[in-house]
Amino acid sequence: MLQSYDHPSGAHAISSFTFHNSRATCQIGIVAGTNKELIIYDANSNKAISVVNDTHARHVHTVKFFEGSYSDNDSLNTFLTSATDSYIKLWDLRVGKPVR
């Protein structure tokens, strides 16, 4: 699949993105912009599902889904972000905010 994507809210650049690469059935991705937004993206429908504003004090430079054992389905809903504000946040897709 080859596709272009423009950040919908006008970020200067996409600073990081991730998809569940180890799960062939998962179509959810996360796009981080230089405007401190996270966009939860559905690749099958080619549209944003959710937008989270002001995620960190500075723009997010790393977004990473959990890649451990998938015996616990709740782990599929978690991901980490980090930024140059010296914080790493653990997020839960179901609540749309950091949980740790």
N, C-alpha and C. Protein backbone atom coordinates (compact mmCIF):
# COMPACT_ATOMS: atom_id res chain seq x y z
N MET A 1 0.85 -1.17 0.00
CA MET A 1 0.00 0.00 0.00
C MET A 1 0.89 1.23 0.00
N LEU A 2 0.67 2.10 -0.93
CA LEU A 2 1.41 3.34 -1.00
C LEU A 2 0.40 4.46 -1.04
N GLN A 3 0.58 5.43 -0.15
CA GLN A 3 -0.43 6.47 -0.01
C GLN A 3 0.23 7.71 0.58
N SER A 4 -0.24 8.88 0.21
CA SER A 4 0.25 10.11 0.82
C SER A 4 -0.74 10.58 1.87
N TYR A 5 -0.24 11.35 2.82
CA TYR A 5 -1.08 11.81 3.92
C TYR A 5 -0.67 13.23 4.27
N ASP A 6 -1.61 14.14 4.28
CA ASP A 6 -1.38 15.51 4.71
C ASP A 6 -1.96 15.68 6.10
N HIS A 7 -1.21 16.31 6.98
CA HIS A 7 -1.70 16.54 8.34
C HIS A 7 -2.90 17.47 8.27
N PRO A 8 -4.07 17.05 8.79
CA PRO A 8 -5.30 17.82 8.58
C PRO A 8 -5.37 19.15 9.31
N SER A 9 -4.62 19.32 10.39
CA SER A 9 -4.76 20.56 11.16
C SER A 9 -3.58 21.51 10.96
N GLY A 10 -2.81 21.29 9.95
CA GLY A 10 -1.81 22.27 9.57
C GLY A 10 -0.49 22.22 10.30
N ALA A 11 -0.08 21.06 10.79
CA ALA A 11 1.25 20.96 11.39
C ALA A 11 2.29 21.17 10.28
N HIS A 12 3.42 21.71 10.64
CA HIS A 12 4.47 21.94 9.64
C HIS A 12 5.03 20.62 9.12
N ALA A 13 5.04 19.61 10.00
CA ALA A 13 5.57 18.31 9.59
C ALA A 13 4.99 17.22 10.46
N ILE A 14 5.06 16.00 9.96
CA ILE A 14 4.74 14.83 10.76
C ILE A 14 6.03 14.40 11.43
N SER A 15 6.05 14.43 12.75
CA SER A 15 7.29 14.15 13.48
C SER A 15 7.47 12.67 13.77
N SER A 16 6.39 11.90 13.84
CA SER A 16 6.48 10.47 14.09
C SER A 16 5.16 9.81 13.72
N PHE A 17 5.21 8.53 13.37
CA PHE A 17 3.99 7.77 13.15
C PHE A 17 4.27 6.30 13.43
N THR A 18 3.22 5.57 13.73
CA THR A 18 3.36 4.14 14.00
C THR A 18 2.07 3.42 13.66
N PHE A 19 2.21 2.16 13.27
CA PHE A 19 1.10 1.25 13.07
C PHE A 19 1.44 -0.05 13.78
N HIS A 20 0.44 -0.85 14.09
CA HIS A 20 0.68 -2.18 14.68
C HIS A 20 1.25 -3.07 13.59
N ASN A 21 2.55 -3.03 13.36
CA ASN A 21 3.15 -3.80 12.27
C ASN A 21 3.11 -5.30 12.50
N SER A 22 3.10 -5.73 13.74
CA SER A 22 3.13 -7.16 14.01
C SER A 22 1.74 -7.79 13.98
N ARG A 23 0.71 -7.01 13.79
CA ARG A 23 -0.66 -7.53 13.74
C ARG A 23 -1.24 -7.23 12.36
N ALA A 24 -1.36 -8.23 11.54
CA ALA A 24 -1.82 -8.02 10.17
C ALA A 24 -3.27 -7.53 10.11
N THR A 25 -4.06 -7.81 11.13
CA THR A 25 -5.46 -7.43 11.10
C THR A 25 -5.71 -6.03 11.64
N CYS A 26 -4.71 -5.39 12.18
CA CYS A 26 -4.90 -4.08 12.81
C CYS A 26 -4.66 -2.98 11.79
N GLN A 27 -5.60 -2.07 11.66
CA GLN A 27 -5.50 -0.98 10.69
C GLN A 27 -5.34 0.38 11.37
N ILE A 28 -5.15 0.41 12.69
CA ILE A 28 -5.06 1.65 13.43
C ILE A 28 -3.62 2.14 13.48
N GLY A 29 -3.45 3.44 13.21
CA GLY A 29 -2.15 4.06 13.30
C GLY A 29 -2.23 5.35 14.10
N ILE A 30 -1.08 5.85 14.49
CA ILE A 30 -1.01 7.11 15.23
C ILE A 30 -0.01 8.01 14.52
N VAL A 31 -0.43 9.24 14.27
CA VAL A 31 0.40 10.23 13.60
C VAL A 31 0.62 11.39 14.57
N ALA A 32 1.88 11.77 14.77
CA ALA A 32 2.21 12.91 15.63
C ALA A 32 2.70 14.05 14.76
N GLY A 33 2.19 15.25 15.04
CA GLY A 33 2.58 16.42 14.27
C GLY A 33 3.42 17.37 15.09
N THR A 34 4.07 18.29 14.42
CA THR A 34 4.89 19.29 15.11
C THR A 34 4.05 20.29 15.89
N ASN A 35 2.74 20.23 15.72
CA ASN A 35 1.84 21.13 16.47
C ASN A 35 1.36 20.50 17.78
N LYS A 36 2.04 19.44 18.25
CA LYS A 36 1.76 18.76 19.53
C LYS A 36 0.46 17.99 19.52
N GLU A 37 -0.02 17.58 18.36
CA GLU A 37 -1.24 16.79 18.23
C GLU A 37 -0.91 15.33 17.94
N LEU A 38 -1.79 14.45 18.41
CA LEU A 38 -1.77 13.05 18.01
C LEU A 38 -3.06 12.78 17.25
N ILE A 39 -2.94 12.13 16.12
CA ILE A 39 -4.12 11.77 15.34
C ILE A 39 -4.20 10.25 15.29
N ILE A 40 -5.30 9.70 15.77
CA ILE A 40 -5.55 8.27 15.68
C ILE A 40 -6.18 8.06 14.30
N TYR A 41 -5.56 7.22 13.51
CA TYR A 41 -5.86 7.12 12.09
C TYR A 41 -6.30 5.71 11.72
N ASP A 42 -7.37 5.59 10.94
CA ASP A 42 -7.83 4.31 10.44
C ASP A 42 -7.41 4.19 8.98
N ALA A 43 -6.49 3.28 8.70
CA ALA A 43 -5.96 3.14 7.34
C ALA A 43 -6.98 2.55 6.38
N ASN A 44 -7.89 1.72 6.88
CA ASN A 44 -8.89 1.12 5.99
C ASN A 44 -9.86 2.16 5.43
N SER A 45 -10.29 3.09 6.28
CA SER A 45 -11.22 4.11 5.81
C SER A 45 -10.50 5.40 5.39
N ASN A 46 -9.19 5.46 5.60
CA ASN A 46 -8.36 6.60 5.21
C ASN A 46 -8.86 7.90 5.84
N LYS A 47 -9.13 7.85 7.16
CA LYS A 47 -9.55 9.06 7.85
C LYS A 47 -9.15 9.01 9.32
N ALA A 48 -9.16 10.18 9.93
CA ALA A 48 -8.83 10.29 11.35
C ALA A 48 -10.02 9.83 12.19
N ILE A 49 -9.75 9.03 13.20
CA ILE A 49 -10.78 8.58 14.13
C ILE A 49 -10.90 9.56 15.29
N SER A 50 -9.75 10.04 15.75
CA SER A 50 -9.72 10.91 16.92
C SER A 50 -8.49 11.81 16.84
N VAL A 51 -8.59 12.99 17.45
CA VAL A 51 -7.47 13.92 17.53
C VAL A 51 -7.29 14.31 18.99
N VAL A 52 -6.05 14.22 19.47
CA VAL A 52 -5.71 14.61 20.84
C VAL A 52 -4.78 15.81 20.77
N ASN A 53 -5.19 16.93 21.35
CA ASN A 53 -4.41 18.17 21.31
C ASN A 53 -3.51 18.30 22.53
N ASP A 54 -2.46 19.08 22.40
CA ASP A 54 -1.54 19.42 23.49
C ASP A 54 -1.09 18.19 24.27
N THR A 55 -0.49 17.25 23.59
CA THR A 55 -0.08 16.00 24.20
C THR A 55 1.13 16.16 25.11
N HIS A 56 2.05 17.01 24.74
CA HIS A 56 3.27 17.30 25.50
C HIS A 56 3.52 18.80 25.44
N ALA A 57 4.46 19.27 26.25
CA ALA A 57 4.83 20.69 26.20
C ALA A 57 5.58 21.03 24.91
N ARG A 58 6.23 20.05 24.32
CA ARG A 58 6.92 20.21 23.04
C ARG A 58 6.44 19.11 22.11
N HIS A 59 6.78 19.19 20.83
CA HIS A 59 6.25 18.21 19.89
C HIS A 59 6.77 16.80 20.16
N VAL A 60 5.93 15.84 19.86
CA VAL A 60 6.25 14.42 20.07
C VAL A 60 7.24 13.98 19.00
N HIS A 61 8.33 13.33 19.44
CA HIS A 61 9.30 12.84 18.47
C HIS A 61 9.27 11.32 18.33
N THR A 62 8.58 10.61 19.24
CA THR A 62 8.49 9.16 19.15
C THR A 62 7.10 8.69 19.58
N VAL A 63 6.53 7.82 18.77
CA VAL A 63 5.26 7.16 19.10
C VAL A 63 5.51 5.67 18.89
N LYS A 64 5.13 4.86 19.88
CA LYS A 64 5.43 3.43 19.79
C LYS A 64 4.30 2.62 20.40
N PHE A 65 3.73 1.68 19.63
CA PHE A 65 2.74 0.74 20.16
C PHE A 65 3.44 -0.33 20.98
N PHE A 66 2.70 -0.94 21.88
CA PHE A 66 3.20 -2.08 22.65
C PHE A 66 3.48 -3.23 21.69
N GLU A 67 4.64 -3.88 21.83
CA GLU A 67 5.00 -4.97 20.94
C GLU A 67 5.37 -6.24 21.68
N GLY A 68 4.85 -6.43 22.87
CA GLY A 68 5.15 -7.63 23.65
C GLY A 68 4.20 -8.75 23.31
N SER A 69 3.89 -9.55 24.31
CA SER A 69 2.99 -10.67 24.14
C SER A 69 1.56 -10.15 23.94
N TYR A 70 0.85 -10.74 23.01
CA TYR A 70 -0.52 -10.32 22.73
C TYR A 70 -1.55 -11.23 23.40
N SER A 71 -1.12 -11.93 24.45
CA SER A 71 -2.09 -12.76 25.17
C SER A 71 -3.11 -11.90 25.93
N ASP A 72 -2.73 -10.68 26.24
CA ASP A 72 -3.64 -9.75 26.91
C ASP A 72 -4.12 -8.74 25.87
N ASN A 73 -5.38 -8.82 25.46
CA ASN A 73 -5.91 -7.94 24.42
C ASN A 73 -5.92 -6.48 24.82
N ASP A 74 -5.95 -6.18 26.13
CA ASP A 74 -5.91 -4.79 26.56
C ASP A 74 -4.60 -4.11 26.19
N SER A 75 -3.53 -4.89 26.06
CA SER A 75 -2.23 -4.32 25.70
C SER A 75 -2.23 -3.73 24.30
N LEU A 76 -3.14 -4.18 23.44
CA LEU A 76 -3.22 -3.65 22.07
C LEU A 76 -3.67 -2.20 22.05
N ASN A 77 -4.26 -1.73 23.12
CA ASN A 77 -4.77 -0.37 23.20
C ASN A 77 -3.78 0.61 23.81
N THR A 78 -2.58 0.17 24.12
CA THR A 78 -1.62 1.05 24.77
C THR A 78 -0.50 1.45 23.82
N PHE A 79 -0.01 2.66 24.02
CA PHE A 79 1.15 3.13 23.26
C PHE A 79 1.89 4.18 24.09
N LEU A 80 3.13 4.43 23.72
CA LEU A 80 3.98 5.40 24.40
C LEU A 80 4.27 6.57 23.49
N THR A 81 4.41 7.75 24.09
CA THR A 81 4.92 8.92 23.37
C THR A 81 6.05 9.51 24.18
N SER A 82 6.99 10.11 23.49
CA SER A 82 8.04 10.86 24.17
C SER A 82 8.32 12.13 23.38
N ALA A 83 8.79 13.13 24.12
CA ALA A 83 9.05 14.43 23.51
C ALA A 83 10.29 15.04 24.16
N THR A 84 10.73 16.15 23.61
CA THR A 84 11.91 16.82 24.17
C THR A 84 11.59 17.60 25.44
N ASP A 85 10.38 17.43 25.97
CA ASP A 85 10.05 18.02 27.27
C ASP A 85 10.46 17.10 28.42
N SER A 86 11.19 16.02 28.11
CA SER A 86 11.73 15.05 29.08
C SER A 86 10.67 14.18 29.71
N TYR A 87 9.54 13.97 29.05
CA TYR A 87 8.50 13.09 29.56
C TYR A 87 8.24 11.95 28.58
N ILE A 88 7.93 10.80 29.14
CA ILE A 88 7.42 9.65 28.40
C ILE A 88 6.04 9.39 28.96
N LYS A 89 5.05 9.29 28.09
CA LYS A 89 3.67 9.07 28.54
C LYS A 89 3.14 7.76 28.00
N LEU A 90 2.43 7.03 28.86
CA LEU A 90 1.74 5.82 28.47
C LEU A 90 0.28 6.18 28.24
N TRP A 91 -0.23 5.85 27.06
CA TRP A 91 -1.58 6.22 26.65
C TRP A 91 -2.44 4.98 26.51
N ASP A 92 -3.74 5.17 26.63
CA ASP A 92 -4.72 4.12 26.38
C ASP A 92 -5.68 4.66 25.32
N LEU A 93 -5.79 3.96 24.19
CA LEU A 93 -6.66 4.42 23.10
C LEU A 93 -8.13 4.52 23.52
N ARG A 94 -8.55 3.67 24.46
CA ARG A 94 -9.95 3.64 24.87
C ARG A 94 -10.37 4.89 25.63
N VAL A 95 -9.44 5.52 26.35
CA VAL A 95 -9.79 6.71 27.11
C VAL A 95 -9.27 7.99 26.46
N GLY A 96 -8.33 7.86 25.52
CA GLY A 96 -7.85 9.01 24.77
C GLY A 96 -6.99 9.98 25.56
N LYS A 97 -6.35 9.49 26.62
CA LYS A 97 -5.47 10.35 27.41
C LYS A 97 -4.40 9.51 28.07
N PRO A 98 -3.36 10.15 28.59
CA PRO A 98 -2.30 9.38 29.24
C PRO A 98 -2.82 8.74 30.53
N VAL A 99 -2.37 7.52 30.76
CA VAL A 99 -2.75 6.82 31.99
C VAL A 99 -1.58 6.70 32.95
N ARG A 100 -0.39 6.98 32.52
CA ARG A 100 0.80 7.01 33.39
C ARG A 100 1.79 8.03 32.85
